Amino acid sequence: MVTPSWLRPGGNGGSELILHIQPGASKSEWAGPHGDALKLRIQAPPVDGAANAAVLAFVATRLGLAGRELKLLRGDKTRRKTVWLPLTVEEVTKKL
C-alpha cells in the first residue's frame, strides 16, 4: 500500500494529517490533493478560531472519532495545518 504524501506516522502510535484549508467555502468537503497536503474546504470563516474548530470537527466526524481525540499540531493561524490523529496510517487510509 502506498501512503499519500499528506499522511505520515505521528507520535504515540498515531498519525499526522497535512491539510490545506479553504475557509468560507459553500460547503465543507474534501477537495483532493493539493501539493503534499490534502485540501479541505470548510464553511466556517477564518475568524476567532472558527475554521480550526470546524476542521477538527469535520475530520473527527469523517474518521469516526470524537473531536477531543484530535490535536492541531501546527498551523493555528495559517491555511496549512497538521492534525494529529489517534489512528495508524493504515487505519486512516482505510477510513478515507
PDB file of N, CA and C in Angstrom:
ATOM      1  N   MET A   1       0.839  -1.180   0.000  1.00  0.00           N
ATOM      2  CA  MET A   1       0.000   0.000   0.000  1.00  0.00           C
ATOM      3  C   MET A   1       0.886   1.247   0.000  1.00  0.00           C
ATOM      4  N   VAL A   2       0.586   2.175  -0.873  1.00  0.00           N
ATOM      5  CA  VAL A   2       1.340   3.419  -0.965  1.00  0.00           C
ATOM      6  C   VAL A   2       0.671   4.464  -0.070  1.00  0.00           C
ATOM      7  N   THR A   3       1.472   5.072   0.789  1.00  0.00           N
ATOM      8  CA  THR A   3       0.952   6.099   1.690  1.00  0.00           C
ATOM      9  C   THR A   3       0.997   7.443   0.987  1.00  0.00           C
ATOM     10  N   PRO A   4      -0.105   8.187   1.001  1.00  0.00           N
ATOM     11  CA  PRO A   4      -0.105   9.512   0.370  1.00  0.00           C
ATOM     12  C   PRO A   4       0.832  10.472   1.101  1.00  0.00           C
ATOM     13  N   SER A   5       1.313  11.483   0.402  1.00  0.00           N
ATOM     14  CA  SER A   5       2.267  12.431   0.986  1.00  0.00           C
ATOM     15  C   SER A   5       1.657  13.245   2.122  1.00  0.00           C
ATOM     16  N   TRP A   6       0.337  13.346   2.175  1.00  0.00           N
ATOM     17  CA  TRP A   6      -0.329  14.144   3.195  1.00  0.00           C
ATOM     18  C   TRP A   6      -0.656  13.374   4.469  1.00  0.00           C
ATOM     19  N   LEU A   7      -0.181  12.141   4.564  1.00  0.00           N
ATOM     20  CA  LEU A   7      -0.419  11.307   5.738  1.00  0.00           C
ATOM     21  C   LEU A   7       0.883  10.645   6.135  1.00  0.00           C
ATOM     22  N   ARG A   8       1.257  10.801   7.403  1.00  0.00           N
ATOM     23  CA  ARG A   8       2.524  10.201   7.854  1.00  0.00           C
ATOM     24  C   ARG A   8       2.387   9.727   9.295  1.00  0.00           C
ATOM     25  N   PRO A   9       3.260   8.801   9.694  1.00  0.00           N
ATOM     26  CA  PRO A   9       3.218   8.334  11.081  1.00  0.00           C
ATOM     27  C   PRO A   9       3.500   9.487  12.034  1.00  0.00           C
ATOM     28  N   GLY A  10       2.804   9.475  13.155  1.00  0.00           N
ATOM     29  CA  GLY A  10       2.998  10.503  14.177  1.00  0.00           C
ATOM     30  C   GLY A  10       3.391   9.870  15.494  1.00  0.00           C
ATOM     31  N   GLY A  11       3.506  10.674  16.504  1.00  0.00           N
ATOM     32  CA  GLY A  11       3.891  10.177  17.821  1.00  0.00           C
ATOM     33  C   GLY A  11       2.786   9.400  18.511  1.00  0.00           C
ATOM     34  N   ASN A  12       3.165   8.643  19.518  1.00  0.00           N
ATOM     35  CA  ASN A  12       2.231   7.880  20.349  1.00  0.00           C
ATOM     36  C   ASN A  12       1.367   6.905  19.552  1.00  0.00           C
ATOM     37  N   GLY A  13       1.905   6.339  18.476  1.00  0.00           N
ATOM     38  CA  GLY A  13       1.178   5.349  17.697  1.00  0.00           C
ATOM     39  C   GLY A  13       0.109   5.923  16.796  1.00  0.00           C
ATOM     40  N   GLY A  14       0.042   7.234  16.690  1.00  0.00           N
ATOM     41  CA  GLY A  14      -0.960   7.880  15.846  1.00  0.00           C
ATOM     42  C   GLY A  14      -0.387   8.238  14.492  1.00  0.00           C
ATOM     43  N   SER A  15      -1.041   9.187  13.839  1.00  0.00           N
ATOM     44  CA  SER A  15      -0.573   9.660  12.540  1.00  0.00           C
ATOM     45  C   SER A  15      -0.823  11.158  12.426  1.00  0.00           C
ATOM     46  N   GLU A  16      -0.179  11.761  11.431  1.00  0.00           N
ATOM     47  CA  GLU A  16      -0.325  13.191  11.183  1.00  0.00           C
ATOM     48  C   GLU A  16      -0.918  13.397   9.801  1.00  0.00           C
ATOM     49  N   LEU A  17      -1.945  14.226   9.745  1.00  0.00           N
ATOM     50  CA  LEU A  17      -2.641  14.556   8.514  1.00  0.00           C
ATOM     51  C   LEU A  17      -2.288  15.994   8.150  1.00  0.00           C
ATOM     52  N   ILE A  18      -1.709  16.189   6.953  1.00  0.00           N
ATOM     53  CA  ILE A  18      -1.315  17.516   6.486  1.00  0.00           C
ATOM     54  C   ILE A  18      -2.454  18.050   5.619  1.00  0.00           C
ATOM     55  N   LEU A  19      -2.997  19.200   5.995  1.00  0.00           N
ATOM     56  CA  LEU A  19      -4.157  19.756   5.308  1.00  0.00           C
ATOM     57  C   LEU A  19      -3.884  21.152   4.763  1.00  0.00           C
ATOM     58  N   HIS A  20      -4.511  21.455   3.633  1.00  0.00           N
ATOM     59  CA  HIS A  20      -4.557  22.816   3.095  1.00  0.00           C
ATOM     60  C   HIS A  20      -6.024  23.223   3.188  1.00  0.00           C
ATOM     61  N   ILE A  21      -6.299  24.269   3.951  1.00  0.00           N
ATOM     62  CA  ILE A  21      -7.673  24.655   4.255  1.00  0.00           C
ATOM     63  C   ILE A  21      -8.135  25.815   3.382  1.00  0.00           C
ATOM     64  N   GLN A  22      -9.361  25.699   2.866  1.00  0.00           N
ATOM     65  CA  GLN A  22     -10.023  26.795   2.159  1.00  0.00           C
ATOM     66  C   GLN A  22     -11.233  27.178   3.014  1.00  0.00           C
ATOM     67  N   PRO A  23     -11.080  28.195   3.880  1.00  0.00           N
ATOM     68  CA  PRO A  23     -12.204  28.602   4.728  1.00  0.00           C
ATOM     69  C   PRO A  23     -13.246  29.381   3.943  1.00  0.00           C
ATOM     70  N   GLY A  24     -14.443  29.474   4.486  1.00  0.00           N
ATOM     71  CA  GLY A  24     -15.501  30.246   3.859  1.00  0.00           C
ATOM     72  C   GLY A  24     -16.082  29.605   2.613  1.00  0.00           C
ATOM     73  N   ALA A  25     -15.964  28.292   2.478  1.00  0.00           N
ATOM     74  CA  ALA A  25     -16.486  27.584   1.303  1.00  0.00           C
ATOM     75  C   ALA A  25     -18.002  27.444   1.390  1.00  0.00           C
ATOM     76  N   SER A  26     -18.628  27.114   0.275  1.00  0.00           N
ATOM     77  CA  SER A  26     -20.082  26.957   0.267  1.00  0.00           C
ATOM     78  C   SER A  26     -20.522  25.722   1.053  1.00  0.00           C
ATOM     79  N   LYS A  27     -19.655  24.702   1.118  1.00  0.00           N
ATOM     80  CA  LYS A  27     -19.925  23.532   1.962  1.00  0.00           C
ATOM     81  C   LYS A  27     -18.606  22.913   2.375  1.00  0.00           C
ATOM     82  N   SER A  28     -18.620  22.178   3.472  1.00  0.00           N
ATOM     83  CA  SER A  28     -17.412  21.514   3.965  1.00  0.00           C
ATOM     84  C   SER A  28     -17.260  20.180   3.254  1.00  0.00           C
ATOM     85  N   GLU A  29     -16.058  19.975   2.651  1.00  0.00           N
ATOM     86  CA  GLU A  29     -15.821  18.738   1.903  1.00  0.00           C
ATOM     87  C   GLU A  29     -14.332  18.563   1.618  1.00  0.00           C
ATOM     88  N   TRP A  30     -13.948  17.297   1.396  1.00  0.00           N
ATOM     89  CA  TRP A  30     -12.602  17.008   0.915  1.00  0.00           C
ATOM     90  C   TRP A  30     -12.536  17.499  -0.524  1.00  0.00           C
ATOM     91  N   ALA A  31     -11.390  18.054  -0.916  1.00  0.00           N
ATOM     92  CA  ALA A  31     -11.254  18.556  -2.284  1.00  0.00           C
ATOM     93  C   ALA A  31     -10.103  17.892  -3.038  1.00  0.00           C
ATOM     94  N   GLY A  32      -9.457  16.907  -2.439  1.00  0.00           N
ATOM     95  CA  GLY A  32      -8.394  16.185  -3.119  1.00  0.00           C
ATOM     96  C   GLY A  32      -7.016  16.706  -2.786  1.00  0.00           C
ATOM     97  N   PRO A  33      -5.990  16.123  -3.400  1.00  0.00           N
ATOM     98  CA  PRO A  33      -4.609  16.525  -3.125  1.00  0.00           C
ATOM     99  C   PRO A  33      -4.338  17.977  -3.520  1.00  0.00           C
ATOM    100  N   HIS A  34      -3.470  18.611  -2.765  1.00  0.00           N
ATOM    101  CA  HIS A  34      -3.029  19.985  -3.033  1.00  0.00           C
ATOM    102  C   HIS A  34      -1.540  20.021  -2.700  1.00  0.00           C
ATOM    103  N   GLY A  35      -0.699  19.715  -3.684  1.00  0.00           N
ATOM    104  CA  GLY A  35       0.732  19.565  -3.422  1.00  0.00           C
ATOM    105  C   GLY A  35       0.947  18.356  -2.526  1.00  0.00           C
ATOM    106  N   ASP A  36       1.626  18.569  -1.403  1.00  0.00           N
ATOM    107  CA  ASP A  36       1.855  17.460  -0.470  1.00  0.00           C
ATOM    108  C   ASP A  36       0.840  17.473   0.679  1.00  0.00           C
ATOM    109  N   ALA A  37      -0.268  18.184   0.499  1.00  0.00           N
ATOM    110  CA  ALA A  37      -1.322  18.260   1.508  1.00  0.00           C
ATOM    111  C   ALA A  37      -2.640  17.768   0.906  1.00  0.00           C
ATOM    112  N   LEU A  38      -3.613  17.522   1.771  1.00  0.00           N
ATOM    113  CA  LEU A  38      -4.958  17.182   1.345  1.00  0.00           C
ATOM    114  C   LEU A  38      -5.814  18.430   1.527  1.00  0.00           C
ATOM    115  N   LYS A  39      -6.452  18.877   0.450  1.00  0.00           N
ATOM    116  CA  LYS A  39      -7.242  20.105   0.521  1.00  0.00           C
ATOM    117  C   LYS A  39      -8.597  19.815   1.150  1.00  0.00           C
ATOM    118  N   LEU A  40      -8.987  20.705   2.046  1.00  0.00           N
ATOM    119  CA  LEU A  40     -10.263  20.600   2.738  1.00  0.00           C
ATOM    120  C   LEU A  40     -10.968  21.942   2.665  1.00  0.00           C
ATOM    121  N   ARG A  41     -12.158  21.939   2.094  1.00  0.00           N
ATOM    122  CA  ARG A  41     -12.972  23.153   2.052  1.00  0.00           C
ATOM    123  C   ARG A  41     -13.836  23.157   3.304  1.00  0.00           C
ATOM    124  N   ILE A  42     -13.851  24.291   4.006  1.00  0.00           N
ATOM    125  CA  ILE A  42     -14.603  24.417   5.256  1.00  0.00           C
ATOM    126  C   ILE A  42     -15.536  25.617   5.155  1.00  0.00           C
ATOM    127  N   GLN A  43     -16.783  25.455   5.566  1.00  0.00           N
ATOM    128  CA  GLN A  43     -17.752  26.543   5.529  1.00  0.00           C
ATOM    129  C   GLN A  43     -17.400  27.672   6.493  1.00  0.00           C
ATOM    130  N   ALA A  44     -16.839  27.350   7.621  1.00  0.00           N
ATOM    131  CA  ALA A  44     -16.571  28.353   8.656  1.00  0.00           C
ATOM    132  C   ALA A  44     -15.578  29.405   8.160  1.00  0.00           C
ATOM    133  N   PRO A  45     -15.777  30.656   8.583  1.00  0.00           N
ATOM    134  CA  PRO A  45     -14.834  31.711   8.212  1.00  0.00           C
ATOM    135  C   PRO A  45     -13.573  31.630   9.079  1.00  0.00           C
ATOM    136  N   PRO A  46     -12.468  32.190   8.608  1.00  0.00           N
ATOM    137  CA  PRO A  46     -11.222  32.157   9.392  1.00  0.00           C
ATOM    138  C   PRO A  46     -11.205  33.256  10.457  1.00  0.00           C
ATOM    139  N   VAL A  47     -12.184  33.239  11.350  1.00  0.00           N
ATOM    140  CA  VAL A  47     -12.314  34.279  12.368  1.00  0.00           C
ATOM    141  C   VAL A  47     -12.389  33.636  13.748  1.00  0.00           C
ATOM    142  N   ASP A  48     -11.586  34.126  14.665  1.00  0.00           N
ATOM    143  CA  ASP A  48     -11.622  33.689  16.071  1.00  0.00           C
ATOM    144  C   ASP A  48     -11.538  32.175  16.245  1.00  0.00           C
ATOM    145  N   GLY A  49     -10.771  31.495  15.410  1.00  0.00           N
ATOM    146  CA  GLY A  49     -10.581  30.053  15.547  1.00  0.00           C
ATOM    147  C   GLY A  49     -11.737  29.202  15.043  1.00  0.00           C
ATOM    148  N   ALA A  50     -12.731  29.829  14.416  1.00  0.00           N
ATOM    149  CA  ALA A  50     -13.900  29.072  13.937  1.00  0.00           C
ATOM    150  C   ALA A  50     -13.501  28.037  12.895  1.00  0.00           C
ATOM    151  N   ALA A  51     -12.621  28.394  11.985  1.00  0.00           N
ATOM    152  CA  ALA A  51     -12.201  27.449  10.950  1.00  0.00           C
ATOM    153  C   ALA A  51     -11.410  26.295  11.564  1.00  0.00           C
ATOM    154  N   ASN A  52     -10.546  26.572  12.526  1.00  0.00           N
ATOM    155  CA  ASN A  52      -9.783  25.499  13.177  1.00  0.00           C
ATOM    156  C   ASN A  52     -10.717  24.509  13.861  1.00  0.00           C
ATOM    157  N   ALA A  53     -11.705  25.005  14.579  1.00  0.00           N
ATOM    158  CA  ALA A  53     -12.662  24.133  15.257  1.00  0.00           C
ATOM    159  C   ALA A  53     -13.453  23.317  14.229  1.00  0.00           C
ATOM    160  N   ALA A  54     -13.825  23.950  13.130  1.00  0.00           N
ATOM    161  CA  ALA A  54     -14.578  23.262  12.084  1.00  0.00           C
ATOM    162  C   ALA A  54     -13.739  22.180  11.411  1.00  0.00           C
ATOM    163  N   VAL A  55     -12.458  22.454  11.214  1.00  0.00           N
ATOM    164  CA  VAL A  55     -11.551  21.463  10.620  1.00  0.00           C
ATOM    165  C   VAL A  55     -11.493  20.223  11.505  1.00  0.00           C
ATOM    166  N   LEU A  56     -11.251  20.418  12.794  1.00  0.00           N
ATOM    167  CA  LEU A  56     -11.142  19.282  13.715  1.00  0.00           C
ATOM    168  C   LEU A  56     -12.462  18.515  13.789  1.00  0.00           C
ATOM    169  N   ALA A  57     -13.583  19.217  13.821  1.00  0.00           N
ATOM    170  CA  ALA A  57     -14.892  18.558  13.876  1.00  0.00           C
ATOM    171  C   ALA A  57     -15.150  17.758  12.602  1.00  0.00           C
ATOM    172  N   PHE A  58     -14.826  18.338  11.437  1.00  0.00           N
ATOM    173  CA  PHE A  58     -15.039  17.656  10.162  1.00  0.00           C
ATOM    174  C   PHE A  58     -14.202  16.382  10.088  1.00  0.00           C
ATOM    175  N   VAL A  59     -12.917  16.493  10.391  1.00  0.00           N
ATOM    176  CA  VAL A  59     -12.020  15.333  10.305  1.00  0.00           C
ATOM    177  C   VAL A  59     -12.454  14.257  11.303  1.00  0.00           C
ATOM    178  N   ALA A  60     -12.788  14.656  12.525  1.00  0.00           N
ATOM    179  CA  ALA A  60     -13.219  13.692  13.539  1.00  0.00           C
ATOM    180  C   ALA A  60     -14.465  12.936  13.081  1.00  0.00           C
ATOM    181  N   THR A  61     -15.441  13.663  12.559  1.00  0.00           N
ATOM    182  CA  THR A  61     -16.680  13.033  12.096  1.00  0.00           C
ATOM    183  C   THR A  61     -16.407  12.044  10.970  1.00  0.00           C
ATOM    184  N   ARG A  62     -15.588  12.439  10.000  1.00  0.00           N
ATOM    185  CA  ARG A  62     -15.301  11.573   8.854  1.00  0.00           C
ATOM    186  C   ARG A  62     -14.536  10.314   9.247  1.00  0.00           C
ATOM    187  N   LEU A  63     -13.763  10.402  10.336  1.00  0.00           N
ATOM    188  CA  LEU A  63     -12.972   9.245  10.765  1.00  0.00           C
ATOM    189  C   LEU A  63     -13.612   8.496  11.932  1.00  0.00           C
ATOM    190  N   GLY A  64     -14.804   8.919  12.345  1.00  0.00           N
ATOM    191  CA  GLY A  64     -15.497   8.231  13.433  1.00  0.00           C
ATOM    192  C   GLY A  64     -14.848   8.437  14.793  1.00  0.00           C
ATOM    193  N   LEU A  65     -14.293   9.613  15.006  1.00  0.00           N
ATOM    194  CA  LEU A  65     -13.618   9.921  16.264  1.00  0.00           C
ATOM    195  C   LEU A  65     -14.335  11.052  16.988  1.00  0.00           C
ATOM    196  N   ALA A  66     -14.019  11.228  18.246  1.00  0.00           N
ATOM    197  CA  ALA A  66     -14.504  12.386  18.994  1.00  0.00           C
ATOM    198  C   ALA A  66     -13.533  13.535  18.737  1.00  0.00           C
ATOM    199  N   GLY A  67     -14.040  14.739  18.633  1.00  0.00           N
ATOM    200  CA  GLY A  67     -13.197  15.897  18.358  1.00  0.00           C
ATOM    201  C   GLY A  67     -12.064  16.071  19.343  1.00  0.00           C
ATOM    202  N   ARG A  68     -12.296  15.702  20.600  1.00  0.00           N
ATOM    203  CA  ARG A  68     -11.261  15.863  21.634  1.00  0.00           C
ATOM    204  C   ARG A  68     -10.078  14.913  21.442  1.00  0.00           C
ATOM    205  N   GLU A  69     -10.230  13.911  20.579  1.00  0.00           N
ATOM    206  CA  GLU A  69      -9.154  12.957  20.331  1.00  0.00           C
ATOM    207  C   GLU A  69      -8.109  13.498  19.363  1.00  0.00           C
ATOM    208  N   LEU A  70      -8.446  14.531  18.593  1.00  0.00           N
ATOM    209  CA  LEU A  70      -7.539  15.112  17.610  1.00  0.00           C
ATOM    210  C   LEU A  70      -6.809  16.298  18.224  1.00  0.00           C
ATOM    211  N   LYS A  71      -5.636  16.591  17.681  1.00  0.00           N
ATOM    212  CA  LYS A  71      -4.862  17.741  18.150  1.00  0.00           C
ATOM    213  C   LYS A  71      -4.336  18.508  16.945  1.00  0.00           C
ATOM    214  N   LEU A  72      -4.498  19.808  16.992  1.00  0.00           N
ATOM    215  CA  LEU A  72      -3.918  20.664  15.963  1.00  0.00           C
ATOM    216  C   LEU A  72      -2.466  20.904  16.355  1.00  0.00           C
ATOM    217  N   LEU A  73      -1.538  20.286  15.624  1.00  0.00           N
ATOM    218  CA  LEU A  73      -0.118  20.387  15.965  1.00  0.00           C
ATOM    219  C   LEU A  73       0.516  21.656  15.424  1.00  0.00           C
ATOM    220  N   ARG A  74       0.183  22.001  14.181  1.00  0.00           N
ATOM    221  CA  ARG A  74       0.762  23.177  13.529  1.00  0.00           C
ATOM    222  C   ARG A  74      -0.292  23.848  12.658  1.00  0.00           C
ATOM    223  N   GLY A  75      -0.143  25.166  12.482  1.00  0.00           N
ATOM    224  CA  GLY A  75      -0.993  25.885  11.555  1.00  0.00           C
ATOM    225  C   GLY A  75      -2.176  26.587  12.175  1.00  0.00           C
ATOM    226  N   ASP A  76      -2.066  26.975  13.419  1.00  0.00           N
ATOM    227  CA  ASP A  76      -3.175  27.635  14.106  1.00  0.00           C
ATOM    228  C   ASP A  76      -3.674  28.869  13.355  1.00  0.00           C
ATOM    229  N   LYS A  77      -2.769  29.596  12.709  1.00  0.00           N
ATOM    230  CA  LYS A  77      -3.150  30.835  12.026  1.00  0.00           C
ATOM    231  C   LYS A  77      -2.839  30.826  10.528  1.00  0.00           C
ATOM    232  N   THR A  78      -2.639  29.636   9.961  1.00  0.00           N
ATOM    233  CA  THR A  78      -2.344  29.534   8.532  1.00  0.00           C
ATOM    234  C   THR A  78      -3.293  28.533   7.870  1.00  0.00           C
ATOM    235  N   ARG A  79      -3.296  28.529   6.547  1.00  0.00           N
ATOM    236  CA  ARG A  79      -4.139  27.578   5.807  1.00  0.00           C
ATOM    237  C   ARG A  79      -3.579  26.165   5.878  1.00  0.00           C
ATOM    238  N   ARG A  80      -2.274  26.038   6.027  1.00  0.00           N
ATOM    239  CA  ARG A  80      -1.641  24.715   6.106  1.00  0.00           C
ATOM    240  C   ARG A  80      -1.640  24.257   7.560  1.00  0.00           C
ATOM    241  N   LYS A  81      -2.261  23.128   7.800  1.00  0.00           N
ATOM    242  CA  LYS A  81      -2.412  22.630   9.159  1.00  0.00           C
ATOM    243  C   LYS A  81      -1.948  21.190   9.249  1.00  0.00           C
ATOM    244  N   THR A  82      -1.414  20.836  10.397  1.00  0.00           N
ATOM    245  CA  THR A  82      -1.052  19.450  10.696  1.00  0.00           C
ATOM    246  C   THR A  82      -1.901  19.014  11.873  1.00  0.00           C
ATOM    247  N   VAL A  83      -2.660  17.937  11.670  1.00  0.00           N
ATOM    248  CA  VAL A  83      -3.552  17.415  12.696  1.00  0.00           C
ATOM    249  C   VAL A  83      -3.070  16.033  13.115  1.00  0.00           C
ATOM    250  N   TRP A  84      -2.914  15.834  14.436  1.00  0.00           N
ATOM    251  CA  TRP A  84      -2.549  14.521  14.962  1.00  0.00           C
ATOM    252  C   TRP A  84      -3.819  13.707  15.163  1.00  0.00           C
ATOM    253  N   LEU A  85      -3.774  12.447  14.726  1.00  0.00           N
ATOM    254  CA  LEU A  85      -4.905  11.528  14.845  1.00  0.00           C
ATOM    255  C   LEU A  85      -4.503  10.318  15.672  1.00  0.00           C
ATOM    256  N   PRO A  86      -5.394   9.780  16.500  1.00  0.00           N
ATOM    257  CA  PRO A  86      -5.055   8.608  17.316  1.00  0.00           C
ATOM    258  C   PRO A  86      -5.215   7.290  16.557  1.00  0.00           C
ATOM    259  N   LEU A  87      -5.011   7.329  15.255  1.00  0.00           N
ATOM    260  CA  LEU A  87      -5.123   6.151  14.404  1.00  0.00           C
ATOM    261  C   LEU A  87      -3.814   5.955  13.657  1.00  0.00           C
ATOM    262  N   THR A  88      -3.524   4.724  13.284  1.00  0.00           N
ATOM    263  CA  THR A  88      -2.337   4.466  12.480  1.00  0.00           C
ATOM    264  C   THR A  88      -2.582   4.952  11.054  1.00  0.00           C
ATOM    265  N   VAL A  89      -1.527   5.071  10.286  1.00  0.00           N
ATOM    266  CA  VAL A  89      -1.634   5.462   8.882  1.00  0.00           C
ATOM    267  C   VAL A  89      -2.551   4.495   8.138  1.00  0.00           C
ATOM    268  N   GLU A  90      -2.423   3.209   8.416  1.00  0.00           N
ATOM    269  CA  GLU A  90      -3.243   2.199   7.749  1.00  0.00           C
ATOM    270  C   GLU A  90      -4.718   2.378   8.087  1.00  0.00           C
ATOM    271  N   GLU A  91      -5.026   2.665   9.353  1.00  0.00           N
ATOM    272  CA  GLU A  91      -6.421   2.851   9.762  1.00  0.00           C
ATOM    273  C   GLU A  91      -7.025   4.091   9.090  1.00  0.00           C
ATOM    274  N   VAL A  92      -6.254   5.171   9.007  1.00  0.00           N
ATOM    275  CA  VAL A  92      -6.751   6.385   8.369  1.00  0.00           C
ATOM    276  C   VAL A  92      -7.001   6.134   6.890  1.00  0.00           C
ATOM    277  N   THR A  93      -6.071   5.466   6.238  1.00  0.00           N
ATOM    278  CA  THR A  93      -6.207   5.169   4.806  1.00  0.00           C
ATOM    279  C   THR A  93      -7.477   4.365   4.532  1.00  0.00           C
ATOM    280  N   LYS A  94      -7.777   3.400   5.369  1.00  0.00           N
ATOM    281  CA  LYS A  94      -8.986   2.596   5.186  1.00  0.00           C
ATOM    282  C   LYS A  94     -10.255   3.421   5.360  1.00  0.00           C
ATOM    283  N   LYS A  95     -10.245   4.361   6.302  1.00  0.00           N
ATOM    284  CA  LYS A  95     -11.449   5.154   6.599  1.00  0.00           C
ATOM    285  C   LYS A  95     -11.686   6.279   5.590  1.00  0.00           C
ATOM    286  N   LEU A  96     -10.625   6.744   4.939  1.00  0.00           N
ATOM    287  CA  LEU A  96     -10.788   7.795   3.960  1.00  0.00           C
ATOM    288  C   LEU A  96     -11.058   7.170   2.611  1.00  0.00           C
TER     289      LEU A  96
END
